[in-house]
Amino acid sequence: MIMELHEQNAKVGLKMNQGKTKVMLSKLTPKTNIQIDDKNLENVDNYLCLGQLFSIDNNIEIEIRRRISSAWSKFGELSRYLQEPKFPLTLKEKIFTQCIIPTFTYGAETWTSPNEWFKN
């Protein structure tokens, strides 16, 4: 499929960026080297794409920890405004709801729930 994509891209003048193109194979698939123009594409177990971490074992805990860390980082960047006594509470609320909450929840609609969350 990757070779076909590469060939179709070439027909319309597009070139695949081999430095950014990664391969993530199923655990059931034996590790194989996939080549484009005699260069191996890198095999990875997880990959950051459009701000979300995807992993081969679908371990969502890593992504959630990463999102929490990002939200705390954003909170730290904005804490001087949030802790300023002269700032109105409504402005602090807007900063929190428009900057910090989205940083944490970005991509959350695609997260899966671990089965153990639903055990009684």
N, C-alpha and C. Protein backbone atom coordinates (compact mmCIF):
# COMPACT_ATOMS: atom_id res chain seq x y z
N MET A 1 0.82 -1.19 0.00
CA MET A 1 0.00 0.00 0.00
C MET A 1 0.87 1.26 0.00
N ILE A 2 1.95 1.23 0.75
CA ILE A 2 2.83 2.39 0.80
C ILE A 2 3.50 2.62 -0.54
N MET A 3 3.91 1.54 -1.19
CA MET A 3 4.52 1.67 -2.52
C MET A 3 3.52 2.24 -3.52
N GLU A 4 2.30 1.78 -3.45
CA GLU A 4 1.26 2.29 -4.35
C GLU A 4 1.01 3.78 -4.10
N LEU A 5 0.96 4.17 -2.83
CA LEU A 5 0.80 5.57 -2.48
C LEU A 5 1.96 6.39 -3.04
N HIS A 6 3.17 5.88 -2.87
CA HIS A 6 4.36 6.56 -3.37
C HIS A 6 4.28 6.73 -4.90
N GLU A 7 3.87 5.69 -5.60
CA GLU A 7 3.77 5.75 -7.05
C GLU A 7 2.69 6.73 -7.51
N GLN A 8 1.54 6.71 -6.84
CA GLN A 8 0.45 7.62 -7.20
C GLN A 8 0.84 9.08 -6.91
N ASN A 9 1.55 9.28 -5.81
CA ASN A 9 2.03 10.63 -5.49
C ASN A 9 2.96 11.14 -6.58
N ALA A 10 3.87 10.27 -7.03
CA ALA A 10 4.85 10.66 -8.06
C ALA A 10 4.15 11.06 -9.36
N LYS A 11 3.04 10.41 -9.68
CA LYS A 11 2.31 10.71 -10.91
C LYS A 11 1.80 12.14 -10.94
N VAL A 12 1.48 12.69 -9.78
CA VAL A 12 0.95 14.05 -9.73
C VAL A 12 1.99 15.05 -9.20
N GLY A 13 3.23 14.60 -9.10
CA GLY A 13 4.31 15.50 -8.71
C GLY A 13 4.53 15.66 -7.22
N LEU A 14 3.94 14.79 -6.41
CA LEU A 14 4.14 14.85 -4.97
C LEU A 14 5.25 13.90 -4.56
N LYS A 15 5.95 14.25 -3.49
CA LYS A 15 7.04 13.39 -3.01
C LYS A 15 6.82 13.11 -1.52
N MET A 16 6.95 11.85 -1.14
CA MET A 16 6.77 11.45 0.25
C MET A 16 8.00 11.89 1.06
N ASN A 17 7.77 12.53 2.19
CA ASN A 17 8.86 12.93 3.07
C ASN A 17 9.26 11.71 3.89
N GLN A 18 10.39 11.10 3.53
CA GLN A 18 10.80 9.86 4.19
C GLN A 18 11.30 10.09 5.60
N GLY A 19 11.69 11.30 5.93
CA GLY A 19 12.11 11.61 7.29
C GLY A 19 10.93 11.67 8.25
N LYS A 20 9.76 12.03 7.74
CA LYS A 20 8.58 12.15 8.59
C LYS A 20 7.66 10.93 8.49
N THR A 21 7.85 10.10 7.48
CA THR A 21 6.99 8.94 7.28
C THR A 21 7.46 7.80 8.17
N LYS A 22 6.59 7.32 9.00
CA LYS A 22 6.91 6.22 9.92
C LYS A 22 5.98 5.04 9.64
N VAL A 23 6.39 3.87 10.08
CA VAL A 23 5.58 2.66 9.90
C VAL A 23 5.27 2.09 11.27
N MET A 24 3.98 1.82 11.52
CA MET A 24 3.56 1.19 12.76
C MET A 24 2.84 -0.09 12.37
N LEU A 25 3.43 -1.21 12.74
CA LEU A 25 2.88 -2.51 12.38
C LEU A 25 2.15 -3.12 13.56
N SER A 26 1.18 -3.94 13.28
CA SER A 26 0.46 -4.67 14.32
C SER A 26 1.42 -5.58 15.06
N LYS A 27 1.10 -5.88 16.31
CA LYS A 27 1.92 -6.82 17.07
C LYS A 27 1.92 -8.21 16.42
N LEU A 28 0.87 -8.51 15.69
CA LEU A 28 0.77 -9.81 15.03
C LEU A 28 1.59 -9.87 13.74
N THR A 29 1.96 -8.72 13.23
CA THR A 29 2.73 -8.66 11.99
C THR A 29 4.22 -8.71 12.32
N PRO A 30 4.97 -9.60 11.68
CA PRO A 30 6.41 -9.62 11.94
C PRO A 30 7.05 -8.32 11.47
N LYS A 31 8.07 -7.88 12.20
CA LYS A 31 8.76 -6.65 11.83
C LYS A 31 9.42 -6.83 10.48
N THR A 32 9.10 -5.94 9.57
CA THR A 32 9.69 -5.98 8.24
C THR A 32 10.16 -4.58 7.88
N ASN A 33 11.13 -4.52 7.01
CA ASN A 33 11.62 -3.24 6.53
C ASN A 33 10.86 -2.85 5.28
N ILE A 34 10.26 -1.68 5.32
CA ILE A 34 9.55 -1.16 4.17
C ILE A 34 10.42 -0.07 3.58
N GLN A 35 10.66 -0.16 2.29
CA GLN A 35 11.58 0.76 1.64
C GLN A 35 10.86 1.62 0.60
N ILE A 36 11.28 2.86 0.53
CA ILE A 36 10.87 3.79 -0.52
C ILE A 36 12.17 4.34 -1.11
N ASP A 37 12.35 4.17 -2.39
CA ASP A 37 13.57 4.63 -3.07
C ASP A 37 14.83 4.11 -2.37
N ASP A 38 14.84 2.83 -2.03
CA ASP A 38 15.98 2.16 -1.39
C ASP A 38 16.33 2.71 -0.02
N LYS A 39 15.40 3.39 0.64
CA LYS A 39 15.62 3.86 2.01
C LYS A 39 14.56 3.24 2.90
N ASN A 40 15.00 2.67 4.04
CA ASN A 40 14.06 2.05 4.98
C ASN A 40 13.25 3.12 5.71
N LEU A 41 11.94 2.88 5.83
CA LEU A 41 11.10 3.72 6.67
C LEU A 41 11.24 3.23 8.11
N GLU A 42 11.22 4.16 9.04
CA GLU A 42 11.42 3.83 10.44
C GLU A 42 10.19 3.11 11.01
N ASN A 43 10.43 1.97 11.71
CA ASN A 43 9.37 1.26 12.43
C ASN A 43 9.26 1.86 13.82
N VAL A 44 8.05 2.20 14.24
CA VAL A 44 7.84 2.81 15.55
C VAL A 44 6.72 2.08 16.30
N ASP A 45 6.75 2.18 17.63
CA ASP A 45 5.69 1.62 18.47
C ASP A 45 4.67 2.68 18.86
N ASN A 46 5.09 3.96 18.84
CA ASN A 46 4.17 5.05 19.07
C ASN A 46 4.63 6.25 18.24
N TYR A 47 3.67 7.13 17.95
CA TYR A 47 3.95 8.23 17.05
C TYR A 47 3.06 9.41 17.38
N LEU A 48 3.65 10.59 17.41
CA LEU A 48 2.91 11.81 17.68
C LEU A 48 2.46 12.41 16.35
N CYS A 49 1.15 12.47 16.17
CA CYS A 49 0.59 12.98 14.92
C CYS A 49 -0.52 13.97 15.23
N LEU A 50 -0.39 15.17 14.70
CA LEU A 50 -1.38 16.24 14.92
C LEU A 50 -1.66 16.46 16.41
N GLY A 51 -0.62 16.38 17.21
CA GLY A 51 -0.75 16.66 18.64
C GLY A 51 -1.26 15.53 19.49
N GLN A 52 -1.46 14.36 18.91
CA GLN A 52 -1.95 13.22 19.68
C GLN A 52 -1.00 12.05 19.51
N LEU A 53 -0.74 11.35 20.61
CA LEU A 53 0.17 10.22 20.60
C LEU A 53 -0.62 8.94 20.32
N PHE A 54 -0.22 8.26 19.25
CA PHE A 54 -0.81 6.97 18.90
C PHE A 54 0.19 5.89 19.24
N SER A 55 -0.28 4.78 19.81
CA SER A 55 0.64 3.70 20.15
C SER A 55 0.09 2.37 19.64
N ILE A 56 1.01 1.45 19.38
CA ILE A 56 0.66 0.16 18.81
C ILE A 56 -0.21 -0.66 19.76
N ASP A 57 0.02 -0.52 21.06
CA ASP A 57 -0.77 -1.29 22.03
C ASP A 57 -1.98 -0.51 22.54
N ASN A 58 -2.24 0.66 21.95
CA ASN A 58 -3.38 1.48 22.31
C ASN A 58 -3.41 1.82 23.80
N ASN A 59 -2.22 2.06 24.36
CA ASN A 59 -2.10 2.42 25.77
C ASN A 59 -2.45 3.89 25.94
N ILE A 60 -3.68 4.16 26.27
CA ILE A 60 -4.18 5.52 26.36
C ILE A 60 -3.64 6.24 27.59
N GLU A 61 -3.15 5.50 28.58
CA GLU A 61 -2.63 6.13 29.80
C GLU A 61 -1.44 7.03 29.50
N ILE A 62 -0.61 6.65 28.55
CA ILE A 62 0.54 7.47 28.17
C ILE A 62 0.06 8.79 27.59
N GLU A 63 -0.94 8.74 26.72
CA GLU A 63 -1.48 9.96 26.12
C GLU A 63 -2.15 10.83 27.17
N ILE A 64 -2.88 10.23 28.10
CA ILE A 64 -3.55 11.02 29.15
C ILE A 64 -2.51 11.70 30.04
N ARG A 65 -1.46 10.97 30.41
CA ARG A 65 -0.38 11.59 31.22
C ARG A 65 0.28 12.74 30.45
N ARG A 66 0.46 12.56 29.16
CA ARG A 66 1.07 13.60 28.33
C ARG A 66 0.16 14.83 28.27
N ARG A 67 -1.14 14.62 28.14
CA ARG A 67 -2.10 15.72 28.12
C ARG A 67 -2.13 16.45 29.46
N ILE A 68 -2.10 15.69 30.56
CA ILE A 68 -2.09 16.33 31.90
C ILE A 68 -0.84 17.18 32.05
N SER A 69 0.29 16.65 31.63
CA SER A 69 1.55 17.39 31.70
C SER A 69 1.48 18.66 30.85
N SER A 70 0.90 18.57 29.67
CA SER A 70 0.75 19.75 28.80
C SER A 70 -0.14 20.80 29.45
N ALA A 71 -1.23 20.35 30.08
CA ALA A 71 -2.14 21.29 30.74
C ALA A 71 -1.45 21.98 31.91
N TRP A 72 -0.67 21.24 32.71
CA TRP A 72 0.05 21.85 33.82
C TRP A 72 1.10 22.84 33.30
N SER A 73 1.72 22.49 32.19
CA SER A 73 2.70 23.39 31.58
C SER A 73 2.03 24.69 31.15
N LYS A 74 0.89 24.57 30.50
CA LYS A 74 0.14 25.76 30.07
C LYS A 74 -0.32 26.56 31.28
N PHE A 75 -0.76 25.87 32.34
CA PHE A 75 -1.16 26.54 33.57
C PHE A 75 0.01 27.33 34.14
N GLY A 76 1.21 26.72 34.13
CA GLY A 76 2.40 27.40 34.62
C GLY A 76 2.72 28.66 33.82
N GLU A 77 2.55 28.57 32.49
CA GLU A 77 2.80 29.74 31.63
C GLU A 77 1.84 30.88 31.95
N LEU A 78 0.61 30.54 32.28
CA LEU A 78 -0.42 31.55 32.49
C LEU A 78 -0.67 31.87 33.96
N SER A 79 0.06 31.24 34.86
CA SER A 79 -0.22 31.39 36.29
C SER A 79 -0.03 32.82 36.78
N ARG A 80 0.86 33.58 36.14
CA ARG A 80 1.04 34.97 36.60
C ARG A 80 -0.24 35.78 36.41
N TYR A 81 -1.02 35.44 35.40
CA TYR A 81 -2.30 36.12 35.19
C TYR A 81 -3.37 35.57 36.11
N LEU A 82 -3.33 34.27 36.32
CA LEU A 82 -4.35 33.63 37.16
C LEU A 82 -4.18 33.98 38.63
N GLN A 83 -2.95 34.29 39.03
CA GLN A 83 -2.69 34.61 40.44
C GLN A 83 -2.65 36.12 40.72
N GLU A 84 -2.80 36.90 39.69
CA GLU A 84 -2.78 38.37 39.84
C GLU A 84 -4.06 38.83 40.52
N PRO A 85 -3.95 39.43 41.71
CA PRO A 85 -5.16 39.86 42.44
C PRO A 85 -5.97 40.94 41.70
N LYS A 86 -5.33 41.73 40.86
CA LYS A 86 -6.03 42.82 40.18
C LYS A 86 -6.82 42.32 38.95
N PHE A 87 -6.56 41.11 38.51
CA PHE A 87 -7.29 40.56 37.37
C PHE A 87 -8.69 40.17 37.80
N PRO A 88 -9.71 40.54 37.05
CA PRO A 88 -11.08 40.15 37.41
C PRO A 88 -11.24 38.62 37.31
N LEU A 89 -12.06 38.08 38.15
CA LEU A 89 -12.30 36.64 38.18
C LEU A 89 -12.86 36.15 36.85
N THR A 90 -13.67 36.97 36.20
CA THR A 90 -14.25 36.55 34.91
C THR A 90 -13.15 36.38 33.85
N LEU A 91 -12.13 37.22 33.87
CA LEU A 91 -11.02 37.10 32.93
C LEU A 91 -10.19 35.86 33.24
N LYS A 92 -9.99 35.59 34.52
CA LYS A 92 -9.27 34.37 34.92
C LYS A 92 -10.02 33.12 34.45
N GLU A 93 -11.34 33.15 34.58
CA GLU A 93 -12.16 32.03 34.14
C GLU A 93 -12.03 31.82 32.63
N LYS A 94 -12.03 32.92 31.87
CA LYS A 94 -11.89 32.81 30.42
C LYS A 94 -10.52 32.24 30.04
N ILE A 95 -9.48 32.69 30.71
CA ILE A 95 -8.14 32.15 30.43
C ILE A 95 -8.12 30.66 30.71
N PHE A 96 -8.69 30.26 31.82
CA PHE A 96 -8.69 28.84 32.19
C PHE A 96 -9.50 28.00 31.20
N THR A 97 -10.71 28.46 30.88
CA THR A 97 -11.58 27.65 30.02
C THR A 97 -11.18 27.69 28.55
N GLN A 98 -10.50 28.75 28.12
CA GLN A 98 -10.13 28.85 26.71
C GLN A 98 -8.70 28.43 26.41
N CYS A 99 -7.84 28.34 27.42
CA CYS A 99 -6.44 27.98 27.18
C CYS A 99 -6.01 26.68 27.85
N ILE A 100 -6.41 26.49 29.08
CA ILE A 100 -5.91 25.34 29.84
C ILE A 100 -6.76 24.10 29.61
N ILE A 101 -8.07 24.22 29.71
CA ILE A 101 -8.95 23.07 29.50
C ILE A 101 -8.79 22.48 28.09
N PRO A 102 -8.76 23.28 27.02
CA PRO A 102 -8.55 22.68 25.68
C PRO A 102 -7.20 22.00 25.53
N THR A 103 -6.19 22.50 26.22
CA THR A 103 -4.87 21.86 26.15
C THR A 103 -4.96 20.45 26.72
N PHE A 104 -5.72 20.28 27.79
CA PHE A 104 -5.88 18.95 28.38
C PHE A 104 -6.77 18.05 27.55
N THR A 105 -7.88 18.57 27.08
CA THR A 105 -8.88 17.71 26.45
C THR A 105 -8.70 17.51 24.95
N TYR A 106 -7.68 18.12 24.35
CA TYR A 106 -7.47 17.97 22.91
C TYR A 106 -7.35 16.49 22.54
N GLY A 107 -8.17 16.05 21.63
CA GLY A 107 -8.13 14.66 21.17
C GLY A 107 -8.86 13.69 22.07
N ALA A 108 -9.46 14.16 23.17
CA ALA A 108 -10.10 13.26 24.13
C ALA A 108 -11.27 12.49 23.52
N GLU A 109 -11.89 13.04 22.47
CA GLU A 109 -13.03 12.34 21.87
C GLU A 109 -12.60 11.05 21.18
N THR A 110 -11.30 10.89 20.93
CA THR A 110 -10.82 9.66 20.28
C THR A 110 -10.22 8.67 21.27
N TRP A 111 -10.14 9.05 22.54
CA TRP A 111 -9.57 8.14 23.53
C TRP A 111 -10.51 6.97 23.76
N THR A 112 -9.91 5.81 23.99
CA THR A 112 -10.71 4.64 24.34
C THR A 112 -10.64 4.43 25.84
N SER A 113 -11.61 3.76 26.38
CA SER A 113 -11.65 3.51 27.82
C SER A 113 -11.10 2.13 28.12
N PRO A 114 -10.14 2.04 29.05
CA PRO A 114 -9.66 0.71 29.44
C PRO A 114 -10.79 -0.13 30.02
N ASN A 115 -10.78 -1.42 29.74
CA ASN A 115 -11.83 -2.32 30.22
C ASN A 115 -11.95 -2.34 31.74
N GLU A 116 -10.82 -2.16 32.45
CA GLU A 116 -10.90 -2.25 33.91
C GLU A 116 -11.69 -1.10 34.53
N TRP A 117 -11.95 -0.01 33.78
CA TRP A 117 -12.77 1.07 34.30
C TRP A 117 -14.20 0.64 34.48
N PHE A 118 -14.63 -0.39 33.76
CA PHE A 118 -16.02 -0.80 33.79
C PHE A 118 -16.26 -2.07 34.59
N LYS A 119 -15.23 -2.56 35.24
CA LYS A 119 -15.38 -3.77 36.06
C LYS A 119 -16.03 -3.39 37.38
N ASN A 120 -16.86 -4.27 37.89
CA ASN A 120 -17.53 -4.02 39.19
C ASN A 120 -16.74 -4.59 40.32
